[in-house]
Protein backbone atom coordinates (compact mmCIF):
# COMPACT_ATOMS: atom_id res chain seq x y z
CA MET A 1 -76.67 30.69 33.88
CA GLU A 2 -78.83 27.56 34.51
CA ALA A 3 -76.50 24.08 35.06
CA VAL A 4 -74.55 22.85 32.64
CA LEU A 5 -75.18 19.64 31.32
CA ILE A 6 -73.35 17.76 28.90
CA LYS A 7 -74.01 14.73 27.10
CA ARG A 8 -72.06 11.97 25.03
CA LEU A 9 -74.17 9.67 22.87
CA SER A 10 -71.97 6.73 21.17
CA ARG A 11 -73.34 5.49 17.95
CA PRO A 12 -75.02 1.80 18.39
CA ALA A 13 -72.63 -1.30 18.99
CA ASP A 14 -74.03 -3.38 16.26
CA SER A 15 -74.69 -0.30 13.60
CA GLY A 16 -71.45 -1.28 11.50
CA MET A 17 -69.79 2.25 12.01
CA ASP A 18 -66.10 2.36 11.61
CA PHE A 19 -66.59 5.47 13.84
CA GLN A 20 -67.79 7.09 17.14
CA VAL A 21 -70.36 9.82 16.48
CA VAL A 22 -70.25 12.39 19.96
CA TYR A 23 -72.58 14.17 20.52
CA GLU A 24 -72.17 17.37 23.19
CA ALA A 25 -75.67 19.67 24.22
CA VAL A 26 -75.49 22.44 26.73
CA LYS A 27 -78.34 23.58 28.42
CA PHE A 28 -79.07 27.09 28.87
CA GLY A 29 -82.53 28.66 29.96
CA GLY A 30 -84.31 25.49 29.59
CA TYR A 31 -82.74 25.13 25.69
CA LEU A 32 -79.82 22.70 24.28
CA LEU A 33 -77.22 25.15 22.92
CA LEU A 34 -76.36 22.89 20.04
CA ALA A 35 -78.32 20.29 18.13
CA LYS A 36 -76.90 18.18 15.56
CA VAL A 37 -78.87 16.12 12.99
CA ALA A 38 -77.19 14.31 10.17
CA CYS A 39 -78.49 15.07 6.81
CA GLY A 40 -77.12 14.75 3.21
CA ALA A 41 -76.75 16.72 -0.42
CA VAL A 42 -76.23 15.05 -3.61
CA ILE A 43 -73.19 15.94 -5.84
CA GLY A 44 -73.54 14.40 -9.26
CA ILE A 45 -75.11 11.28 -8.65
CA ASP A 46 -73.60 10.45 -5.37
CA GLY A 47 -75.06 11.29 -2.01
CA VAL A 48 -72.60 12.77 0.61
CA LEU A 49 -73.64 12.51 4.12
CA MET A 50 -73.85 16.02 5.88
CA ASP A 51 -74.68 17.59 9.51
CA VAL A 52 -77.01 20.34 10.42
CA GLU A 53 -75.86 22.11 13.57
CA VAL A 54 -78.47 24.09 15.34
CA ASP A 55 -77.07 26.82 18.18
CA ILE A 56 -79.39 28.54 20.10
CA ALA A 57 -78.48 31.25 22.30
CA ARG A 58 -80.00 34.39 24.12
CA GLY A 59 -80.22 37.98 22.00
CA LEU A 60 -82.33 39.25 19.78
CA PRO A 61 -84.18 37.75 17.64
CA ALA A 62 -82.47 35.74 14.39
CA PHE A 63 -81.98 33.27 12.26
CA THR A 64 -78.88 32.88 10.22
CA THR A 65 -77.39 30.16 7.96
CA VAL A 66 -73.70 29.50 7.47
CA GLY A 67 -71.84 27.02 5.61
CA LEU A 68 -72.02 28.23 2.18
CA PRO A 69 -75.64 27.51 1.60
CA GLU A 70 -76.97 28.42 -2.28
CA THR A 71 -80.21 30.44 -2.47
CA SER A 72 -82.46 28.10 -1.62
CA VAL A 73 -81.11 26.65 1.47
CA ARG A 74 -80.80 30.21 3.26
CA GLU A 75 -84.55 30.70 1.70
CA SER A 76 -85.43 27.75 3.83
CA ARG A 77 -85.68 29.49 7.01
CA GLU A 78 -88.66 31.02 6.18
CA ARG A 79 -90.33 27.98 5.34
CA VAL A 80 -88.90 26.31 8.18
CA LYS A 81 -90.29 29.03 10.71
CA ALA A 82 -93.44 29.11 9.23
CA SER A 83 -93.43 25.37 9.47
CA ILE A 84 -92.70 24.39 12.81
CA ALA A 85 -95.21 27.67 13.98
CA ASN A 86 -98.46 26.00 11.37
CA SER A 87 -97.87 22.61 13.01
CA GLY A 88 -98.49 23.64 16.78
CA TYR A 89 -94.92 24.24 17.96
CA ASP A 90 -93.08 27.37 19.44
CA PHE A 91 -90.45 28.51 17.45
CA PRO A 92 -88.00 30.10 19.98
CA PRO A 93 -87.86 33.75 19.80
CA ASP A 94 -83.75 33.91 20.53
CA ARG A 95 -81.35 33.99 18.36
CA ILE A 96 -80.33 30.45 15.98
CA THR A 97 -77.50 30.01 13.80
CA VAL A 98 -77.33 26.83 11.74
CA ASN A 99 -74.49 25.20 10.55
CA LEU A 100 -74.05 22.80 7.47
CA ALA A 101 -70.99 20.90 7.69
CA PRO A 102 -68.51 20.41 6.30
CA ALA A 103 -68.79 24.28 5.46
CA HIS A 104 -66.02 23.99 2.43
CA ILE A 105 -69.00 22.13 -0.15
CA ARG A 106 -71.93 24.33 -1.10
CA LYS A 107 -75.05 23.36 -0.13
CA GLU A 108 -78.11 23.30 -2.88
CA GLY A 109 -81.63 22.03 -2.59
CA THR A 110 -84.94 21.93 -0.73
CA GLY A 111 -83.91 18.82 1.43
CA PHE A 112 -82.51 20.95 4.52
CA ASP A 113 -85.82 22.25 5.09
CA LEU A 114 -86.80 18.89 7.21
CA PRO A 115 -82.98 18.61 9.16
CA ILE A 116 -83.03 22.05 10.32
CA ALA A 117 -86.93 22.38 11.30
CA LEU A 118 -86.08 18.93 13.96
CA GLY A 119 -82.66 20.54 14.70
CA ILE A 120 -84.45 23.51 16.18
CA LEU A 121 -86.82 21.63 17.98
CA CYS A 122 -84.07 19.37 19.30
CA ALA A 123 -82.65 22.01 20.57
CA THR A 124 -85.51 23.58 22.28
CA GLY A 125 -86.44 20.50 24.18
CA ILE A 126 -89.44 18.81 21.95
CA ILE A 127 -87.23 15.89 20.47
CA ASP A 128 -85.02 13.79 22.63
CA ILE A 129 -81.17 13.61 20.49
CA SER A 130 -80.78 10.14 21.32
CA SER A 131 -83.48 9.18 18.92
CA LEU A 132 -82.79 11.79 16.25
CA CYS A 133 -79.30 10.90 15.93
CA ARG A 134 -79.74 7.10 14.84
CA PHE A 135 -81.15 8.57 11.25
CA VAL A 136 -80.65 10.61 8.65
CA VAL A 137 -83.55 12.73 7.77
CA MET A 138 -84.43 15.09 4.31
CA GLY A 139 -87.27 17.03 2.96
CA GLU A 140 -88.84 19.69 1.74
CA LEU A 141 -91.38 21.55 3.78
CA ALA A 142 -94.20 23.53 2.93
CA LEU A 143 -95.71 26.52 5.40
CA ASP A 144 -98.19 24.45 6.31
CA GLY A 145 -95.86 21.65 8.04
CA ARG A 146 -96.17 19.23 4.86
CA VAL A 147 -93.40 17.30 3.75
CA LYS A 148 -92.40 17.35 0.10
CA PRO A 149 -90.36 15.11 -1.52
CA VAL A 150 -87.26 16.03 -2.89
CA VAL A 151 -84.57 15.18 -5.28
CA GLY A 152 -81.59 12.28 -4.77
CA ALA A 153 -83.09 10.04 -2.20
CA LEU A 154 -82.15 6.51 -3.71
CA SER A 155 -78.46 8.06 -3.20
CA MET A 156 -79.08 9.23 -0.25
CA ALA A 157 -80.46 6.07 0.98
CA ILE A 158 -77.04 4.58 -0.19
CA SER A 159 -74.88 6.30 1.37
CA ALA A 160 -77.20 5.89 4.46
CA LYS A 161 -76.58 2.57 4.43
CA LYS A 162 -73.43 2.84 3.59
CA ALA A 163 -72.64 4.63 7.00
CA GLY A 164 -74.53 2.57 9.26
CA PHE A 165 -77.57 4.38 9.80
CA ASN A 166 -80.05 2.53 11.63
CA GLY A 167 -82.73 4.08 9.16
CA ILE A 168 -83.93 7.32 7.02
CA LEU A 169 -86.25 9.84 7.17
CA VAL A 170 -88.30 10.49 3.56
CA PRO A 171 -90.57 12.38 2.44
CA ALA A 172 -93.70 10.19 1.59
CA GLY A 173 -93.19 11.21 -2.19
CA ASN A 174 -89.62 9.14 -1.96
CA ARG A 175 -90.77 6.09 0.24
CA ARG A 176 -90.88 3.91 -2.98
CA GLU A 177 -87.51 5.04 -4.81
CA ALA A 178 -85.32 4.44 -1.04
CA SER A 179 -86.83 1.58 -0.37
CA VAL A 180 -85.23 -0.06 -3.41
CA VAL A 181 -82.03 -0.20 -0.92
CA ASN A 182 -82.51 -3.59 0.89
CA GLY A 183 -81.23 -3.39 4.46
CA LEU A 184 -81.75 0.00 5.00
CA PRO A 185 -85.90 1.00 7.37
CA VAL A 186 -87.28 3.38 5.45
CA TYR A 187 -89.67 5.84 7.38
CA ALA A 188 -92.02 7.83 5.07
CA VAL A 189 -93.44 11.21 6.81
CA ASP A 190 -95.78 13.00 5.38
CA THR A 191 -95.53 16.55 7.86
CA LEU A 192 -93.28 17.60 10.11
CA SER A 193 -95.64 16.87 13.23
CA SER A 194 -95.69 13.24 11.95
CA ALA A 195 -92.19 13.14 12.06
CA VAL A 196 -91.97 14.40 15.81
CA GLU A 197 -94.51 12.08 17.10
CA PHE A 198 -92.12 9.60 15.45
CA LEU A 199 -89.08 10.35 17.10
CA GLY A 200 -90.70 10.98 20.25
CA GLY A 201 -92.26 7.59 20.35
CA ARG A 202 -95.61 8.63 20.40
CA ARG A 203 -96.09 7.31 16.51
CA LYS A 204 -95.59 4.15 15.01
CA ILE A 205 -94.41 3.66 11.25
CA ALA A 206 -93.78 0.86 9.52
CA PRO A 207 -90.73 0.72 7.60
CA GLU A 208 -90.86 1.01 3.51
CA SER A 209 -90.42 -2.58 1.82
CA TYR A 210 -90.55 -3.06 -1.80
CA ALA A 211 -89.42 -6.08 -3.87
CA ALA A 212 -87.03 -5.12 -7.21
CA GLU A 213 -89.30 -7.91 -8.71
CA ASP A 214 -92.69 -5.81 -9.01
CA ALA A 215 -90.51 -3.09 -10.26
CA PHE A 216 -89.78 -4.67 -13.44
CA GLY A 217 -93.18 -6.11 -13.42
CA GLU A 218 -94.26 -2.43 -14.36
CA ALA A 219 -92.40 -2.08 -17.27
CA ASP A 220 -94.27 -0.55 -20.11
CA GLU A 221 -94.32 -2.47 -23.22
CA ILE A 222 -92.19 -0.75 -25.92
CA ASP A 223 -94.14 0.52 -28.95
CA GLY A 224 -93.49 -0.35 -32.40
CA ASP A 225 -91.69 -3.93 -33.99
CA PHE A 226 -89.22 -4.57 -36.47
CA SER A 227 -92.03 -6.76 -38.08
CA GLU A 228 -93.91 -3.41 -39.15
CA VAL A 229 -91.37 -2.08 -41.09
CA ALA A 230 -90.64 -3.18 -45.12
CA GLY A 231 -88.37 -4.19 -46.00
CA GLN A 232 -84.56 -2.61 -45.17
CA GLU A 233 -82.92 -6.07 -44.10
CA ASN A 234 -79.56 -4.40 -44.23
CA VAL A 235 -80.24 -2.35 -41.58
CA LYS A 236 -82.02 -4.24 -39.41
CA ARG A 237 -79.36 -6.82 -39.44
CA ALA A 238 -76.62 -3.68 -38.81
CA LEU A 239 -79.27 -2.74 -35.35
CA GLU A 240 -79.00 -6.03 -34.23
CA ILE A 241 -75.23 -6.05 -34.01
CA ALA A 242 -75.36 -2.66 -32.31
CA ALA A 243 -77.92 -3.87 -30.21
CA ALA A 244 -75.42 -7.16 -29.52
CA GLY A 245 -71.93 -5.48 -29.23
CA GLY A 246 -73.32 -1.98 -27.59
CA HIS A 247 -71.87 -0.51 -30.69
CA ASN A 248 -72.75 3.34 -32.01
CA LEU A 249 -74.54 3.34 -35.51
CA ILE A 250 -75.45 6.25 -38.16
CA MET A 251 -77.68 5.95 -41.11
CA MET A 252 -77.37 7.89 -44.20
CA GLY A 253 -80.47 7.71 -46.35
CA PRO A 254 -83.11 10.08 -47.80
CA PRO A 255 -86.44 11.55 -46.33
CA GLY A 256 -88.85 8.53 -46.22
CA ALA A 257 -86.76 5.79 -46.26
CA GLY A 258 -87.65 4.87 -42.45
CA LYS A 259 -84.37 5.97 -40.49
CA THR A 260 -86.66 7.37 -37.35
CA MET A 261 -89.17 4.08 -37.69
CA LEU A 262 -86.11 2.06 -37.49
CA ALA A 263 -84.23 3.64 -34.71
CA ARG A 264 -87.37 3.80 -32.40
CA ARG A 265 -87.95 -0.14 -32.81
CA PHE A 266 -84.27 -0.67 -31.77
CA ALA A 267 -85.58 -0.20 -28.43
CA GLY A 268 -87.21 -3.48 -28.57
CA ILE A 269 -84.55 -5.36 -29.22
CA ILE A 270 -81.82 -4.52 -26.52
CA PRO A 271 -81.65 -6.44 -23.37
CA SER A 272 -83.62 -5.80 -20.02
CA LEU A 273 -81.64 -3.54 -17.67
CA THR A 274 -79.94 -6.06 -14.80
CA PHE A 275 -80.55 -4.54 -11.56
CA GLU A 276 -77.26 -3.19 -10.92
CA GLU A 277 -78.24 -0.92 -14.32
CA ALA A 278 -81.45 0.14 -13.45
CA ILE A 279 -80.24 1.56 -9.57
CA GLU A 280 -77.45 3.99 -12.13
CA THR A 281 -79.87 4.87 -14.30
CA THR A 282 -82.29 5.77 -11.43
CA ARG A 283 -79.82 7.85 -9.56
CA ILE A 284 -79.23 9.81 -12.48
CA TYR A 285 -83.47 10.41 -12.92
CA SER A 286 -83.73 11.17 -9.45
CA VAL A 287 -81.38 13.48 -9.39
CA ALA A 288 -82.44 15.41 -12.66
CA GLY A 289 -85.89 15.46 -10.79
CA LEU A 290 -87.66 13.34 -13.76
CA LEU A 291 -88.33 10.22 -12.03
CA LYS A 292 -92.13 10.08 -12.21
CA LYS A 293 -94.11 10.11 -9.39
CA ASP A 294 -94.27 6.90 -6.86
CA LEU A 295 -91.95 5.39 -9.61
CA ALA A 296 -89.11 3.06 -7.75
CA LEU A 297 -87.08 2.21 -10.12
CA VAL A 298 -86.19 2.61 -14.02
CA THR A 299 -86.84 -0.46 -15.46
CA ILE A 300 -86.77 0.22 -18.98
CA ARG A 301 -83.66 1.24 -21.28
CA PRO A 302 -83.67 5.37 -21.97
CA PHE A 303 -84.32 6.20 -25.07
CA ARG A 304 -83.70 10.19 -25.32
CA SER A 305 -84.50 11.46 -28.39
CA PRO A 306 -83.27 15.56 -28.21
CA HIS A 307 -84.36 17.97 -30.91
CA HIS A 308 -81.60 19.47 -33.14
CA THR A 309 -81.27 23.13 -31.64
CA ILE A 310 -80.51 21.85 -27.82
CA SER A 311 -77.63 23.83 -26.76
CA ASP A 312 -74.10 22.11 -25.75
CA VAL A 313 -75.11 22.16 -21.69
CA GLY A 314 -78.57 20.81 -22.86
CA LEU A 315 -76.85 17.93 -25.08
CA ILE A 316 -73.74 17.42 -21.71
CA GLY A 317 -74.99 18.63 -18.90
CA GLY A 318 -73.83 21.74 -17.01
CA GLY A 319 -75.04 24.77 -15.82
CA HIS A 320 -75.03 27.24 -13.25
CA VAL A 321 -76.60 24.37 -10.97
CA PRO A 322 -74.70 21.59 -12.36
CA GLN A 323 -77.60 18.87 -14.17
CA PRO A 324 -77.25 15.85 -15.78
CA GLY A 325 -77.31 16.49 -19.69
CA GLU A 326 -78.69 14.27 -22.54
CA VAL A 327 -75.73 11.71 -22.49
CA SER A 328 -76.28 11.10 -18.84
CA LEU A 329 -80.33 10.41 -19.33
CA ALA A 330 -79.71 7.81 -21.53
CA HIS A 331 -77.26 6.57 -19.64
CA ASN A 332 -77.31 2.49 -19.98
CA GLY A 333 -79.99 3.49 -23.14
CA VAL A 334 -79.86 4.67 -26.48
CA LEU A 335 -79.33 8.04 -27.49
CA PHE A 336 -80.50 9.29 -30.79
CA LEU A 337 -79.93 12.14 -32.44
CA ASP A 338 -82.05 13.01 -35.59
CA GLU A 339 -81.10 15.02 -38.61
CA LEU A 340 -77.03 14.80 -37.31
CA PRO A 341 -75.99 17.69 -39.81
CA GLU A 342 -78.37 19.83 -38.33
CA PHE A 343 -77.22 19.87 -35.09
CA LYS A 344 -75.05 22.71 -33.92
CA LYS A 345 -70.90 21.61 -34.68
CA SER A 346 -70.00 22.98 -31.07
CA ALA A 347 -72.62 20.35 -29.76
CA LEU A 348 -71.73 17.65 -31.67
CA GLU A 349 -67.87 18.05 -30.81
CA VAL A 350 -68.41 17.79 -26.98
CA LEU A 351 -70.23 14.15 -27.61
CA ARG A 352 -66.50 12.95 -28.58
CA GLN A 353 -65.41 12.62 -25.31
CA PRO A 354 -68.40 10.49 -23.54
CA MET A 355 -68.43 8.50 -26.60
CA GLU A 356 -65.12 7.56 -25.23
CA ASP A 357 -64.84 7.84 -21.75
CA ARG A 358 -68.37 6.66 -21.05
CA PHE A 359 -68.49 9.50 -18.67
CA VAL A 360 -68.85 13.39 -18.58
CA THR A 361 -67.36 15.80 -16.04
CA ILE A 362 -68.49 19.25 -15.03
CA SER A 363 -65.59 21.31 -13.77
CA ARG A 364 -66.60 24.77 -11.75
CA ALA A 365 -64.63 26.50 -9.31
CA MET A 366 -65.92 25.35 -6.04
CA THR A 367 -66.53 21.76 -7.43
CA SER A 368 -66.02 19.10 -10.02
CA ILE A 369 -69.17 16.64 -10.76
CA THR A 370 -69.09 13.36 -13.18
CA TYR A 371 -72.00 11.79 -14.60
CA PRO A 372 -71.87 8.21 -16.24
CA SER A 373 -72.51 8.51 -19.91
CA ASP A 374 -72.36 4.78 -21.20
CA PHE A 375 -74.61 4.81 -23.64
CA VAL A 376 -75.36 3.77 -27.72
CA LEU A 377 -75.83 6.38 -30.33
CA ILE A 378 -78.07 5.84 -32.86
CA ALA A 379 -77.92 9.30 -35.86
CA ALA A 380 -79.98 9.19 -38.77
CA ALA A 381 -78.60 12.00 -41.73
CA ASN A 382 -79.76 12.87 -44.80
CA PRO A 383 -76.96 12.36 -47.55
CA CYS A 384 -77.88 16.36 -48.71
CA PRO A 385 -79.63 19.96 -47.53
CA CYS A 386 -82.10 18.51 -49.97
CA GLY A 387 -81.56 14.92 -48.57
CA TYR A 388 -82.04 13.11 -52.24
CA LEU A 389 -78.97 13.06 -53.38
CA SER A 390 -78.68 9.13 -53.60
CA ASP A 391 -82.55 8.64 -54.38
CA PRO A 392 -82.77 7.70 -57.97
CA THR A 393 -86.58 8.42 -58.02
CA HIS A 394 -86.25 12.44 -57.00
CA GLU A 395 -83.25 15.25 -58.28
CA CYS A 396 -80.53 16.35 -56.23
CA ARG A 397 -80.74 20.15 -56.25
CA CYS A 398 -77.45 20.82 -54.09
CA SER A 399 -74.54 21.99 -55.70
CA ALA A 400 -71.38 20.08 -55.00
CA VAL A 401 -70.02 23.20 -52.80
CA GLN A 402 -73.56 22.81 -50.60
CA VAL A 403 -73.44 18.53 -50.32
CA GLN A 404 -70.02 19.19 -49.37
CA ARG A 405 -70.23 21.81 -46.49
CA TYR A 406 -73.08 19.78 -45.17
CA LYS A 407 -71.03 16.64 -45.18
CA ASN A 408 -68.33 18.92 -43.10
CA ARG A 409 -71.00 19.21 -40.44
CA ILE A 410 -69.95 15.91 -39.00
CA SER A 411 -66.38 15.95 -38.47
CA GLY A 412 -64.09 13.27 -38.94
CA PRO A 413 -62.96 12.53 -35.38
CA LEU A 414 -67.06 11.95 -34.33
CA LEU A 415 -67.17 9.64 -37.06
CA ASP A 416 -64.64 7.63 -36.07
CA ARG A 417 -66.26 7.00 -32.69
CA ILE A 418 -69.27 5.78 -34.93
CA ASP A 419 -68.53 2.42 -35.31
CA LEU A 420 -71.00 0.79 -37.81
CA HIS A 421 -72.31 3.16 -41.09
CA VAL A 422 -75.31 2.04 -43.04
CA ASP A 423 -76.62 3.39 -46.04
CA VAL A 424 -80.33 3.33 -45.95
CA PRO A 425 -81.80 3.39 -49.35
CA ALA A 426 -85.79 4.51 -50.42
CA VAL A 427 -88.30 1.38 -49.82
CA ALA A 428 -89.03 -0.08 -53.21
CA TYR A 429 -92.87 -0.59 -54.12
CA LYS A 430 -92.32 -4.08 -53.94
CA ASP A 431 -91.23 -4.46 -50.54
CA LEU A 432 -94.11 -1.99 -49.27
CA ALA A 433 -96.77 -3.94 -50.61
CA ALA A 434 -95.59 -7.01 -49.41
CA THR A 435 -97.94 -8.98 -47.65
CA SER A 436 -95.58 -11.18 -45.68
CA THR A 437 -94.51 -10.24 -41.93
CA ALA A 438 -90.88 -9.40 -41.47
CA GLU A 439 -89.28 -10.77 -38.98
CA PRO A 440 -90.23 -9.54 -35.37
CA SER A 441 -88.62 -8.03 -32.71
CA ALA A 442 -88.59 -10.90 -30.32
CA VAL A 443 -86.80 -12.80 -32.40
CA ILE A 444 -83.94 -10.51 -32.82
CA ARG A 445 -84.02 -9.97 -29.16
CA LYS A 446 -83.22 -13.47 -28.36
CA ARG A 447 -80.23 -13.16 -30.49
CA VAL A 448 -79.05 -10.49 -28.94
CA ILE A 449 -79.11 -11.39 -26.01
CA GLY A 450 -77.54 -14.75 -26.46
CA ALA A 451 -74.78 -12.75 -28.04
CA ARG A 452 -74.91 -10.75 -24.52
CA GLN A 453 -74.58 -13.60 -22.31
CA ILE A 454 -71.78 -15.19 -24.44
CA GLN A 455 -70.20 -11.20 -23.80
CA ALA A 456 -70.77 -11.30 -19.92
CA GLN A 457 -68.51 -14.64 -19.40
CA ARG A 458 -65.92 -13.57 -21.13
CA PHE A 459 -65.93 -9.98 -19.05
CA ALA A 460 -66.96 -11.54 -15.87
CA ARG A 461 -63.76 -10.35 -13.84
CA THR A 462 -64.23 -6.97 -15.54
CA ARG A 463 -66.61 -3.90 -15.43
CA ILE A 464 -66.78 -4.20 -19.25
CA ARG A 465 -70.25 -5.41 -20.12
CA ASN A 466 -70.43 -5.17 -24.00
CA ASN A 467 -67.84 -6.06 -26.97
CA ALA A 468 -67.79 -1.87 -27.64
CA ALA A 469 -66.31 -1.11 -24.29
CA MET A 470 -63.42 -3.31 -25.11
CA THR A 471 -59.85 -1.63 -24.19
CA SER A 472 -56.56 -2.57 -26.64
CA GLY A 473 -55.72 -5.43 -24.23
CA HIS A 474 -59.05 -7.24 -24.81
CA ILE A 475 -59.39 -6.96 -28.41
CA ARG A 476 -54.96 -8.32 -28.43
CA LYS A 477 -57.13 -11.16 -26.41
CA TYR A 478 -60.18 -12.15 -27.93
CA CYS A 479 -59.92 -10.49 -31.65
CA VAL A 480 -57.22 -12.90 -32.75
CA LEU A 481 -56.95 -12.91 -36.43
CA ASN A 482 -55.55 -15.93 -38.78
CA ALA A 483 -52.94 -15.18 -41.33
CA GLN A 484 -56.10 -14.40 -43.97
CA THR A 485 -58.55 -13.07 -42.37
CA SER A 486 -55.72 -10.41 -41.51
CA LEU A 487 -54.61 -9.65 -44.94
CA ILE A 488 -58.15 -8.75 -45.49
CA LEU A 489 -57.99 -6.39 -42.78
CA GLU A 490 -54.50 -5.12 -43.90
CA ASN A 491 -55.69 -4.49 -46.95
CA ALA A 492 -58.87 -2.44 -46.18
CA VAL A 493 -56.69 -0.40 -44.16
CA GLU A 494 -54.40 0.64 -46.69
CA ARG A 495 -57.38 1.26 -49.18
CA LEU A 496 -59.91 2.83 -46.93
CA GLY A 497 -57.64 4.46 -45.15
CA PHE A 498 -58.94 3.74 -41.65
CA SER A 499 -57.97 5.39 -38.52
CA ALA A 500 -56.13 3.06 -35.81
CA ARG A 501 -59.40 3.97 -33.95
CA ALA A 502 -61.23 2.41 -36.74
CA TYR A 503 -59.36 -0.55 -36.87
CA HIS A 504 -59.75 -1.62 -33.60
CA ARG A 505 -63.89 -0.61 -33.76
CA VAL A 506 -63.78 -2.90 -36.89
CA LEU A 507 -62.23 -5.68 -35.06
CA LYS A 508 -65.11 -5.34 -32.32
CA ILE A 509 -67.94 -5.58 -34.99
CA ALA A 510 -66.22 -8.96 -36.34
CA ARG A 511 -65.90 -10.08 -32.39
CA THR A 512 -70.28 -9.32 -32.11
CA ILE A 513 -70.89 -10.52 -35.57
CA ALA A 514 -68.65 -13.79 -34.76
CA ASP A 515 -70.94 -13.50 -30.96
CA LEU A 516 -74.28 -13.46 -32.84
CA ALA A 517 -73.37 -16.74 -35.21
CA GLY A 518 -72.06 -18.50 -32.05
CA ASN A 519 -68.55 -19.06 -33.20
CA GLY A 520 -65.77 -18.58 -30.87
CA ASP A 521 -63.01 -17.50 -33.79
CA ILE A 522 -63.34 -14.63 -35.89
CA LYS A 523 -64.21 -15.89 -39.39
CA LYS A 524 -63.59 -14.56 -43.25
CA ALA A 525 -67.27 -13.82 -43.24
CA HIS A 526 -67.60 -11.90 -40.23
CA LEU A 527 -64.66 -9.42 -41.04
CA ALA A 528 -65.99 -8.90 -44.49
CA GLU A 529 -69.14 -7.87 -43.02
CA ALA A 530 -67.80 -6.04 -40.46
CA ILE A 531 -65.45 -3.57 -43.15
CA GLY A 532 -68.91 -3.11 -45.03
CA TYR A 533 -70.00 -1.26 -42.09
CA ARG A 534 -67.46 1.49 -42.12
CA THR A 535 -68.11 3.62 -45.41
CA LEU A 536 -68.45 6.95 -43.91
CA ASP A 537 -64.75 6.86 -43.35
CA ARG A 538 -62.75 9.64 -44.30
CA LYS A 539 -61.52 9.54 -47.74
CA ALA A 540 -65.04 8.13 -48.77
CA TRP A 541 -66.86 10.67 -46.56
CA GLY A 542 -64.67 13.76 -48.48
């Protein structure tokens, strides 16, 4: 046995870390028995820092990965072996053990390839551990040594910055996404050899930089405008209220009345994403692998419109390897469910919890994952199976039993959670033939932004962003009624059979209507309009 050498390396004093990382390496036969590389995995949408520990011992050639690796991680040994050899480096013909720590967390994904390869090259003396320990590393390796992009780069960059690392090594395909995090140097590598040369000081790589203003400037234009919609002024008003307060809405009307067209133009009157909201949304899309190539941020509010054949897992999230569902992909945006009664009842019922709590928790035997799901639900439905129950120009051929069975597909508890119920009648000929232009989306959006600014000031010291998210305490504070308006609401509750949830939702809607009007107090007209949007509550619906 050769001389034993033990190194202890600490993080730089100016790194801002409140702990000391100690590295021990034992030299044996020209190799370092142990090398440690900082990497990470994404759990939910949060980046969790981990270590790849590589041990090389004399013995028959073997490559073992421990630490609860999933199939994609266990397969990394073949990619790493071929990548090292095809990049011009010698793969050690010894017994290699790779430990992914902490061992109690299940490891998934292909982002461990590059850290494992660098750990092996560090243990063989090709890379100096003093330079490698300063960075968090992530990336998938191709057999020829190319570094492929991985999911969750933004979340890992955020975690690396919080931990005080000097930088992060990411694949070139993730460079713009990771560079959104200010104050963390991001170094993009496209091959294994370029990463080795950078860590060895033989190649200079400039840290990536990206301005958030540039990302928001790249936003695509919203297709469609409310000025293109003939008539339906009452529905446009309801959509304006929904956008101003973040309220859920359901439209009920015959086929061809314009429900889908109105819903798709709803995105044009919602205020733009803030930087914090854009970060949240981008993290979800990054984890789901849906972030477009070279896109730094998702800057347009999501508009998700799943087909009614979607499964419960597709809507809410989950699977063997948990992935965010449509409710999370619509976070900070719109979830549009067309033909609502055609969705499976089990799928609709799983919507109730995320609509109320604004997050989804997926529990598995080994872990529990939480995804945010703060969305505006816009739903559309026909009044009966044929769709013409309320259309004066078409005859409905559905029996009373068929109509009732169709309506029962939408449960009372789900309707209770939808704030605004709007009838969408068939468009009259005079509206279709009108030559005058309706109010454009830009004008409506201006009023919506004004109402949102009022709410931002109202909830400045809380995590609440709009009136729809108010708790009962906020309702008592900001939705105060005088004697006359209180009597109106009392009569409505008794006659229409409002639940306690519906009662609170009426007050939230009235608060939003008052904000759109620029009034600090809720007037009788505001409350009366809010009550008019609860037409599908259980007594009337049944």
